[in-house]
Amino acid sequence: MAPAAQAASNGNTVVRVGFPIQHGISYLDENGDYSGYMVDYLEYLSLYTNWDYEFVTVEGDTNTQINTLMQMLMDGEIDMMGTMNWSIPNSV
């Protein structure tokens, strides 16, 4: 894990995950909780890893969020990048 990973009070490793807002994949639900495919996948993964997650969001449109979070990943500010969805408008 990158230096951003820390131990939680329960002894589990806390993994900081870049969370770009993308409908259906990674979003905040009506209660303001992190939701979507990525969250479901990581919760399942934690059954095997005993990881806890700290989701990290940033401001901006999808491209800005992904670029900012990728830079944070390269700088060691987050441990992993969440799911990203490719589309033609985002590829230009």
Protein backbone atom coordinates (compact mmCIF):
# COMPACT_ATOMS: atom_id res chain seq x y z
CA MET A 1 0.00 0.00 0.00
CA ALA A 2 1.03 3.57 -0.57
CA PRO A 3 1.98 5.70 2.44
CA ALA A 4 -1.60 7.01 2.69
CA ALA A 5 -2.83 3.64 4.06
CA GLN A 6 -3.19 3.66 7.84
CA ALA A 7 -4.27 1.30 10.59
CA ALA A 8 -7.82 1.76 11.87
CA SER A 9 -8.62 1.55 15.58
CA ASN A 10 -10.00 -1.96 14.95
CA GLY A 11 -6.64 -3.07 13.53
CA ASN A 12 -7.85 -3.09 9.92
CA THR A 13 -5.95 -1.20 7.24
CA VAL A 14 -7.67 1.97 6.06
CA VAL A 15 -7.39 2.33 2.29
CA ARG A 16 -8.02 5.76 0.79
CA VAL A 17 -9.95 5.33 -2.48
CA GLY A 18 -10.37 8.01 -5.12
CA PHE A 19 -14.11 8.33 -5.72
CA PRO A 20 -15.04 10.05 -9.00
CA ILE A 21 -18.78 10.66 -9.16
CA GLN A 22 -20.22 8.61 -12.07
CA HIS A 23 -23.87 7.59 -12.27
CA GLY A 24 -24.38 3.91 -11.46
CA ILE A 25 -20.71 3.23 -10.81
CA SER A 26 -19.79 5.57 -7.96
CA TYR A 27 -22.23 8.12 -6.57
CA LEU A 28 -23.81 9.45 -3.39
CA ASP A 29 -27.29 8.04 -2.79
CA GLU A 30 -30.33 9.97 -1.51
CA ASN A 31 -29.00 9.63 2.07
CA GLY A 32 -25.55 10.94 1.14
CA ASP A 33 -23.97 7.48 1.46
CA TYR A 34 -21.34 6.24 -0.97
CA SER A 35 -23.02 3.83 -3.39
CA GLY A 36 -22.69 2.06 -6.71
CA TYR A 37 -20.89 -0.85 -8.29
CA MET A 38 -17.50 0.25 -6.98
CA VAL A 39 -18.69 0.42 -3.37
CA ASP A 40 -20.37 -2.99 -3.65
CA TYR A 41 -17.20 -4.50 -5.12
CA LEU A 42 -14.94 -3.00 -2.45
CA GLU A 43 -17.26 -4.13 0.36
CA TYR A 44 -17.06 -7.67 -1.00
CA LEU A 45 -13.28 -7.41 -1.33
CA SER A 46 -13.02 -6.30 2.31
CA LEU A 47 -14.40 -9.69 3.37
CA TYR A 48 -11.05 -11.12 2.31
CA THR A 49 -8.69 -8.24 3.07
CA ASN A 50 -10.15 -6.74 6.30
CA TRP A 51 -9.70 -3.31 4.73
CA ASP A 52 -11.74 -0.30 5.76
CA TYR A 53 -12.21 2.41 3.13
CA GLU A 54 -11.99 6.16 3.23
CA PHE A 55 -13.53 7.49 0.04
CA VAL A 56 -11.95 10.67 -1.30
CA THR A 57 -13.96 13.00 -3.52
CA VAL A 58 -12.91 16.17 -5.31
CA GLU A 59 -14.78 18.97 -7.05
CA GLY A 60 -15.29 19.35 -10.79
CA ASP A 61 -16.77 17.56 -13.76
CA THR A 62 -15.94 13.89 -14.36
CA ASN A 63 -12.74 14.61 -16.29
CA THR A 64 -11.49 17.08 -13.68
CA GLN A 65 -12.28 14.66 -10.87
CA ILE A 66 -10.45 11.78 -12.57
CA ASN A 67 -7.42 13.93 -13.43
CA THR A 68 -7.19 15.31 -9.89
CA LEU A 69 -7.62 11.90 -8.27
CA MET A 70 -5.06 10.30 -10.61
CA GLN A 71 -2.55 12.98 -9.61
CA MET A 72 -3.35 12.31 -5.94
CA LEU A 73 -2.71 8.61 -6.60
CA MET A 74 0.66 9.34 -8.22
CA ASP A 75 1.56 11.65 -5.30
CA GLY A 76 0.67 8.96 -2.73
CA GLU A 77 -2.24 10.95 -1.28
CA ILE A 78 -4.66 8.09 -2.01
CA ASP A 79 -4.00 4.35 -2.20
CA MET A 80 -6.17 3.32 -5.12
CA MET A 81 -8.35 4.80 -7.78
CA GLY A 82 -12.00 3.87 -8.02
CA THR A 83 -13.77 2.61 -11.09
CA MET A 84 -13.68 4.83 -14.17
CA ASN A 85 -16.08 4.73 -17.09
CA TRP A 86 -14.76 5.49 -20.57
CA SER A 87 -16.91 7.44 -22.98
CA ILE A 88 -16.26 9.27 -26.24
CA PRO A 89 -16.82 12.76 -24.74
CA ASN A 90 -14.30 11.93 -21.99
CA SER A 91 -11.71 10.65 -24.47
CA VAL A 92 -11.11 13.94 -26.28
